[in-house]
Amino acid sequence: MRLIKIKRKTKTEKRYSKKMGELTTKVTYIRKHILGLPIQTLHKYRETYYGEIKNCEDCFLYV
């Protein structure tokens, strides 16, 4: 049994950017899990409409 696993999970979120306004996009999280519990988020990125991969730093979470 492995104690440390790296898992990737995709979910849909609403984001907001100044140039495009409100976006509904798929955000992928890469997280480190120890014994099945998430410990640390290593990286998160989103895929644009055109298939480009972008970092989530430029868009804010829309509430």
PDB file of N, CA and C in Angstrom:
ATOM      1  N   MET A   1       0.838  -1.175   0.000  1.00  0.00           N
ATOM      2  CA  MET A   1       0.000   0.000   0.000  1.00  0.00           C
ATOM      3  C   MET A   1       0.887   1.244   0.000  1.00  0.00           C
ATOM      4  N   ARG A   2       0.587   2.167  -0.883  1.00  0.00           N
ATOM      5  CA  ARG A   2       1.363   3.397  -0.958  1.00  0.00           C
ATOM      6  C   ARG A   2       0.777   4.428  -0.008  1.00  0.00           C
ATOM      7  N   LEU A   3       1.643   5.122   0.691  1.00  0.00           N
ATOM      8  CA  LEU A   3       1.192   6.137   1.636  1.00  0.00           C
ATOM      9  C   LEU A   3       0.936   7.472   0.967  1.00  0.00           C
ATOM     10  N   ILE A   4       1.761   7.815  -0.014  1.00  0.00           N
ATOM     11  CA  ILE A   4       1.652   9.116  -0.693  1.00  0.00           C
ATOM     12  C   ILE A   4       1.201   8.884  -2.133  1.00  0.00           C
ATOM     13  N   LYS A   5       0.153   9.582  -2.552  1.00  0.00           N
ATOM     14  CA  LYS A   5      -0.345   9.496  -3.927  1.00  0.00           C
ATOM     15  C   LYS A   5      -0.506  10.908  -4.480  1.00  0.00           C
ATOM     16  N   ILE A   6      -0.352  11.036  -5.773  1.00  0.00           N
ATOM     17  CA  ILE A   6      -0.614  12.282  -6.491  1.00  0.00           C
ATOM     18  C   ILE A   6      -1.871  12.045  -7.324  1.00  0.00           C
ATOM     19  N   LYS A   7      -2.912  12.844  -7.089  1.00  0.00           N
ATOM     20  CA  LYS A   7      -4.176  12.671  -7.809  1.00  0.00           C
ATOM     21  C   LYS A   7      -4.524  13.938  -8.572  1.00  0.00           C
ATOM     22  N   ARG A   8      -5.189  13.751  -9.691  1.00  0.00           N
ATOM     23  CA  ARG A   8      -5.651  14.845 -10.533  1.00  0.00           C
ATOM     24  C   ARG A   8      -7.167  14.792 -10.589  1.00  0.00           C
ATOM     25  N   LYS A   9      -7.817  15.930 -10.333  1.00  0.00           N
ATOM     26  CA  LYS A   9      -9.275  15.988 -10.338  1.00  0.00           C
ATOM     27  C   LYS A   9      -9.726  17.230 -11.088  1.00  0.00           C
ATOM     28  N   THR A  10     -10.729  17.079 -11.947  1.00  0.00           N
ATOM     29  CA  THR A  10     -11.263  18.180 -12.728  1.00  0.00           C
ATOM     30  C   THR A  10     -12.681  18.480 -12.268  1.00  0.00           C
ATOM     31  N   LYS A  11     -12.970  19.770 -12.069  1.00  0.00           N
ATOM     32  CA  LYS A  11     -14.325  20.182 -11.733  1.00  0.00           C
ATOM     33  C   LYS A  11     -14.631  21.507 -12.414  1.00  0.00           C
ATOM     34  N   THR A  12     -15.903  21.812 -12.554  1.00  0.00           N
ATOM     35  CA  THR A  12     -16.340  23.031 -13.220  1.00  0.00           C
ATOM     36  C   THR A  12     -16.492  24.141 -12.179  1.00  0.00           C
ATOM     37  N   GLU A  13     -15.911  25.316 -12.493  1.00  0.00           N
ATOM     38  CA  GLU A  13     -15.991  26.464 -11.593  1.00  0.00           C
ATOM     39  C   GLU A  13     -16.360  27.698 -12.383  1.00  0.00           C
ATOM     40  N   LYS A  14     -16.948  28.658 -11.675  1.00  0.00           N
ATOM     41  CA  LYS A  14     -17.191  29.964 -12.272  1.00  0.00           C
ATOM     42  C   LYS A  14     -16.024  30.859 -11.904  1.00  0.00           C
ATOM     43  N   ARG A  15     -15.418  31.483 -12.896  1.00  0.00           N
ATOM     44  CA  ARG A  15     -14.280  32.371 -12.704  1.00  0.00           C
ATOM     45  C   ARG A  15     -14.608  33.714 -13.330  1.00  0.00           C
ATOM     46  N   TYR A  16     -13.865  34.732 -12.965  1.00  0.00           N
ATOM     47  CA  TYR A  16     -14.087  36.081 -13.485  1.00  0.00           C
ATOM     48  C   TYR A  16     -12.752  36.677 -13.903  1.00  0.00           C
ATOM     49  N   SER A  17     -12.696  37.235 -15.112  1.00  0.00           N
ATOM     50  CA  SER A  17     -11.524  37.979 -15.566  1.00  0.00           C
ATOM     51  C   SER A  17     -11.984  39.327 -16.094  1.00  0.00           C
ATOM     52  N   LYS A  18     -11.119  40.312 -16.053  1.00  0.00           N
ATOM     53  CA  LYS A  18     -11.487  41.652 -16.491  1.00  0.00           C
ATOM     54  C   LYS A  18     -11.757  41.701 -17.988  1.00  0.00           C
ATOM     55  N   LYS A  19     -10.992  40.956 -18.769  1.00  0.00           N
ATOM     56  CA  LYS A  19     -11.135  41.003 -20.220  1.00  0.00           C
ATOM     57  C   LYS A  19     -12.378  40.267 -20.717  1.00  0.00           C
ATOM     58  N   MET A  20     -12.702  39.110 -20.103  1.00  0.00           N
ATOM     59  CA  MET A  20     -13.777  38.278 -20.635  1.00  0.00           C
ATOM     60  C   MET A  20     -15.039  38.290 -19.792  1.00  0.00           C
ATOM     61  N   GLY A  21     -14.955  38.770 -18.563  1.00  0.00           N
ATOM     62  CA  GLY A  21     -16.126  38.739 -17.696  1.00  0.00           C
ATOM     63  C   GLY A  21     -16.236  37.399 -16.981  1.00  0.00           C
ATOM     64  N   GLU A  22     -17.463  36.932 -16.802  1.00  0.00           N
ATOM     65  CA  GLU A  22     -17.686  35.676 -16.090  1.00  0.00           C
ATOM     66  C   GLU A  22     -17.434  34.488 -17.006  1.00  0.00           C
ATOM     67  N   LEU A  23     -16.667  33.513 -16.526  1.00  0.00           N
ATOM     68  CA  LEU A  23     -16.358  32.306 -17.277  1.00  0.00           C
ATOM     69  C   LEU A  23     -16.821  31.096 -16.488  1.00  0.00           C
ATOM     70  N   THR A  24     -17.331  30.106 -17.160  1.00  0.00           N
ATOM     71  CA  THR A  24     -17.560  28.795 -16.566  1.00  0.00           C
ATOM     72  C   THR A  24     -16.571  27.867 -17.243  1.00  0.00           C
ATOM     73  N   THR A  25     -15.599  27.378 -16.484  1.00  0.00           N
ATOM     74  CA  THR A  25     -14.496  26.637 -17.072  1.00  0.00           C
ATOM     75  C   THR A  25     -14.174  25.408 -16.241  1.00  0.00           C
ATOM     76  N   LYS A  26     -13.507  24.454 -16.858  1.00  0.00           N
ATOM     77  CA  LYS A  26     -13.051  23.256 -16.166  1.00  0.00           C
ATOM     78  C   LYS A  26     -11.681  23.548 -15.563  1.00  0.00           C
ATOM     79  N   VAL A  27     -11.568  23.357 -14.259  1.00  0.00           N
ATOM     80  CA  VAL A  27     -10.311  23.595 -13.551  1.00  0.00           C
ATOM     81  C   VAL A  27      -9.794  22.254 -13.055  1.00  0.00           C
ATOM     82  N   THR A  28      -8.528  21.959 -13.336  1.00  0.00           N
ATOM     83  CA  THR A  28      -7.899  20.716 -12.923  1.00  0.00           C
ATOM     84  C   THR A  28      -6.957  20.991 -11.766  1.00  0.00           C
ATOM     85  N   TYR A  29      -7.132  20.250 -10.686  1.00  0.00           N
ATOM     86  CA  TYR A  29      -6.291  20.356  -9.498  1.00  0.00           C
ATOM     87  C   TYR A  29      -5.387  19.137  -9.420  1.00  0.00           C
ATOM     88  N   ILE A  30      -4.102  19.344  -9.156  1.00  0.00           N
ATOM     89  CA  ILE A  30      -3.164  18.264  -8.895  1.00  0.00           C
ATOM     90  C   ILE A  30      -2.813  18.368  -7.418  1.00  0.00           C
ATOM     91  N   ARG A  31      -3.188  17.325  -6.653  1.00  0.00           N
ATOM     92  CA  ARG A  31      -3.031  17.375  -5.199  1.00  0.00           C
ATOM     93  C   ARG A  31      -2.233  16.182  -4.703  1.00  0.00           C
ATOM     94  N   LYS A  32      -1.547  16.392  -3.580  1.00  0.00           N
ATOM     95  CA  LYS A  32      -0.824  15.327  -2.905  1.00  0.00           C
ATOM     96  C   LYS A  32      -1.711  14.789  -1.788  1.00  0.00           C
ATOM     97  N   HIS A  33      -1.887  13.460  -1.747  1.00  0.00           N
ATOM     98  CA  HIS A  33      -2.725  12.801  -0.750  1.00  0.00           C
ATOM     99  C   HIS A  33      -1.853  11.869   0.091  1.00  0.00           C
ATOM    100  N   ILE A  34      -2.036  11.918   1.401  1.00  0.00           N
ATOM    101  CA  ILE A  34      -1.381  10.980   2.305  1.00  0.00           C
ATOM    102  C   ILE A  34      -2.478  10.216   3.030  1.00  0.00           C
ATOM    103  N   LEU A  35      -2.463   8.907   2.864  1.00  0.00           N
ATOM    104  CA  LEU A  35      -3.487   8.010   3.425  1.00  0.00           C
ATOM    105  C   LEU A  35      -4.895   8.413   2.996  1.00  0.00           C
ATOM    106  N   GLY A  36      -5.047   8.919   1.784  1.00  0.00           N
ATOM    107  CA  GLY A  36      -6.350   9.273   1.244  1.00  0.00           C
ATOM    108  C   GLY A  36      -6.835  10.666   1.594  1.00  0.00           C
ATOM    109  N   LEU A  37      -6.102  11.415   2.392  1.00  0.00           N
ATOM    110  CA  LEU A  37      -6.493  12.772   2.777  1.00  0.00           C
ATOM    111  C   LEU A  37      -5.679  13.792   1.989  1.00  0.00           C
ATOM    112  N   PRO A  38      -6.338  14.786   1.388  1.00  0.00           N
ATOM    113  CA  PRO A  38      -5.584  15.796   0.626  1.00  0.00           C
ATOM    114  C   PRO A  38      -4.754  16.672   1.567  1.00  0.00           C
ATOM    115  N   ILE A  39      -3.479  16.795   1.246  1.00  0.00           N
ATOM    116  CA  ILE A  39      -2.552  17.558   2.080  1.00  0.00           C
ATOM    117  C   ILE A  39      -2.172  18.882   1.422  1.00  0.00           C
ATOM    118  N   GLN A  40      -1.820  18.850   0.146  1.00  0.00           N
ATOM    119  CA  GLN A  40      -1.261  20.029  -0.511  1.00  0.00           C
ATOM    120  C   GLN A  40      -1.703  20.077  -1.967  1.00  0.00           C
ATOM    121  N   THR A  41      -2.041  21.281  -2.449  1.00  0.00           N
ATOM    122  CA  THR A  41      -2.323  21.478  -3.863  1.00  0.00           C
ATOM    123  C   THR A  41      -1.021  21.854  -4.550  1.00  0.00           C
ATOM    124  N   LEU A  42      -0.568  21.014  -5.466  1.00  0.00           N
ATOM    125  CA  LEU A  42       0.694  21.258  -6.148  1.00  0.00           C
ATOM    126  C   LEU A  42       0.537  22.247  -7.295  1.00  0.00           C
ATOM    127  N   HIS A  43      -0.558  22.110  -8.060  1.00  0.00           N
ATOM    128  CA  HIS A  43      -0.755  22.961  -9.228  1.00  0.00           C
ATOM    129  C   HIS A  43      -2.232  22.944  -9.602  1.00  0.00           C
ATOM    130  N   LYS A  44      -2.724  24.055 -10.152  1.00  0.00           N
ATOM    131  CA  LYS A  44      -4.068  24.077 -10.716  1.00  0.00           C
ATOM    132  C   LYS A  44      -4.024  24.865 -12.014  1.00  0.00           C
ATOM    133  N   TYR A  45      -4.741  24.354 -12.992  1.00  0.00           N
ATOM    134  CA  TYR A  45      -4.761  24.989 -14.304  1.00  0.00           C
ATOM    135  C   TYR A  45      -6.136  24.808 -14.915  1.00  0.00           C
ATOM    136  N   ARG A  46      -6.390  25.600 -15.955  1.00  0.00           N
ATOM    137  CA  ARG A  46      -7.677  25.525 -16.640  1.00  0.00           C
ATOM    138  C   ARG A  46      -7.450  25.415 -18.138  1.00  0.00           C
ATOM    139  N   GLU A  47      -8.436  24.850 -18.805  1.00  0.00           N
ATOM    140  CA  GLU A  47      -8.382  24.700 -20.251  1.00  0.00           C
ATOM    141  C   GLU A  47      -9.321  25.722 -20.878  1.00  0.00           C
ATOM    142  N   THR A  48      -8.843  26.461 -21.877  1.00  0.00           N
ATOM    143  CA  THR A  48      -9.653  27.475 -22.526  1.00  0.00           C
ATOM    144  C   THR A  48     -10.553  26.832 -23.577  1.00  0.00           C
ATOM    145  N   TYR A  49     -11.402  27.647 -24.175  1.00  0.00           N
ATOM    146  CA  TYR A  49     -12.311  27.197 -25.225  1.00  0.00           C
ATOM    147  C   TYR A  49     -11.543  26.660 -26.421  1.00  0.00           C
ATOM    148  N   TYR A  50     -10.366  27.229 -26.673  1.00  0.00           N
ATOM    149  CA  TYR A  50      -9.564  26.838 -27.837  1.00  0.00           C
ATOM    150  C   TYR A  50      -8.605  25.702 -27.542  1.00  0.00           C
ATOM    151  N   GLY A  51      -8.634  25.141 -26.337  1.00  0.00           N
ATOM    152  CA  GLY A  51      -7.777  24.011 -26.004  1.00  0.00           C
ATOM    153  C   GLY A  51      -6.442  24.389 -25.386  1.00  0.00           C
ATOM    154  N   GLU A  52      -6.204  25.678 -25.155  1.00  0.00           N
ATOM    155  CA  GLU A  52      -4.949  26.097 -24.530  1.00  0.00           C
ATOM    156  C   GLU A  52      -5.012  25.818 -23.032  1.00  0.00           C
ATOM    157  N   ILE A  53      -3.851  25.547 -22.440  1.00  0.00           N
ATOM    158  CA  ILE A  53      -3.758  25.328 -21.006  1.00  0.00           C
ATOM    159  C   ILE A  53      -3.216  26.598 -20.375  1.00  0.00           C
ATOM    160  N   LYS A  54      -3.951  27.151 -19.394  1.00  0.00           N
ATOM    161  CA  LYS A  54      -3.541  28.381 -18.734  1.00  0.00           C
ATOM    162  C   LYS A  54      -3.532  28.188 -17.227  1.00  0.00           C
ATOM    163  N   ASN A  55      -2.684  28.945 -16.565  1.00  0.00           N
ATOM    164  CA  ASN A  55      -2.608  28.927 -15.115  1.00  0.00           C
ATOM    165  C   ASN A  55      -3.822  29.658 -14.546  1.00  0.00           C
ATOM    166  N   CYS A  56      -4.261  29.322 -13.365  1.00  0.00           N
ATOM    167  CA  CYS A  56      -5.450  29.944 -12.768  1.00  0.00           C
ATOM    168  C   CYS A  56      -5.134  31.245 -12.052  1.00  0.00           C
ATOM    169  N   GLU A  57      -3.932  31.745 -12.120  1.00  0.00           N
ATOM    170  CA  GLU A  57      -3.558  32.963 -11.408  1.00  0.00           C
ATOM    171  C   GLU A  57      -4.217  34.205 -11.992  1.00  0.00           C
ATOM    172  N   ASP A  58      -4.518  34.223 -13.295  1.00  0.00           N
ATOM    173  CA  ASP A  58      -5.055  35.434 -13.937  1.00  0.00           C
ATOM    174  C   ASP A  58      -6.564  35.599 -13.766  1.00  0.00           C
ATOM    175  N   CYS A  59      -7.284  34.555 -13.360  1.00  0.00           N
ATOM    176  CA  CYS A  59      -8.726  34.636 -13.136  1.00  0.00           C
ATOM    177  C   CYS A  59      -9.035  34.463 -11.661  1.00  0.00           C
ATOM    178  N   PHE A  60     -10.025  35.171 -11.188  1.00  0.00           N
ATOM    179  CA  PHE A  60     -10.439  35.093  -9.798  1.00  0.00           C
ATOM    180  C   PHE A  60     -11.677  34.224  -9.685  1.00  0.00           C
ATOM    181  N   LEU A  61     -11.829  33.605  -8.541  1.00  0.00           N
ATOM    182  CA  LEU A  61     -12.998  32.776  -8.293  1.00  0.00           C
ATOM    183  C   LEU A  61     -14.212  33.675  -8.161  1.00  0.00           C
ATOM    184  N   TYR A  62     -15.264  33.393  -8.908  1.00  0.00           N
ATOM    185  CA  TYR A  62     -16.477  34.217  -8.938  1.00  0.00           C
ATOM    186  C   TYR A  62     -17.437  33.705  -7.878  1.00  0.00           C
ATOM    187  N   VAL A  63     -17.878  34.561  -6.998  1.00  0.00           N
ATOM    188  CA  VAL A  63     -18.787  34.143  -5.925  1.00  0.00           C
ATOM    189  C   VAL A  63     -20.122  34.804  -6.114  1.00  0.00           C
TER     190      VAL A  63
END
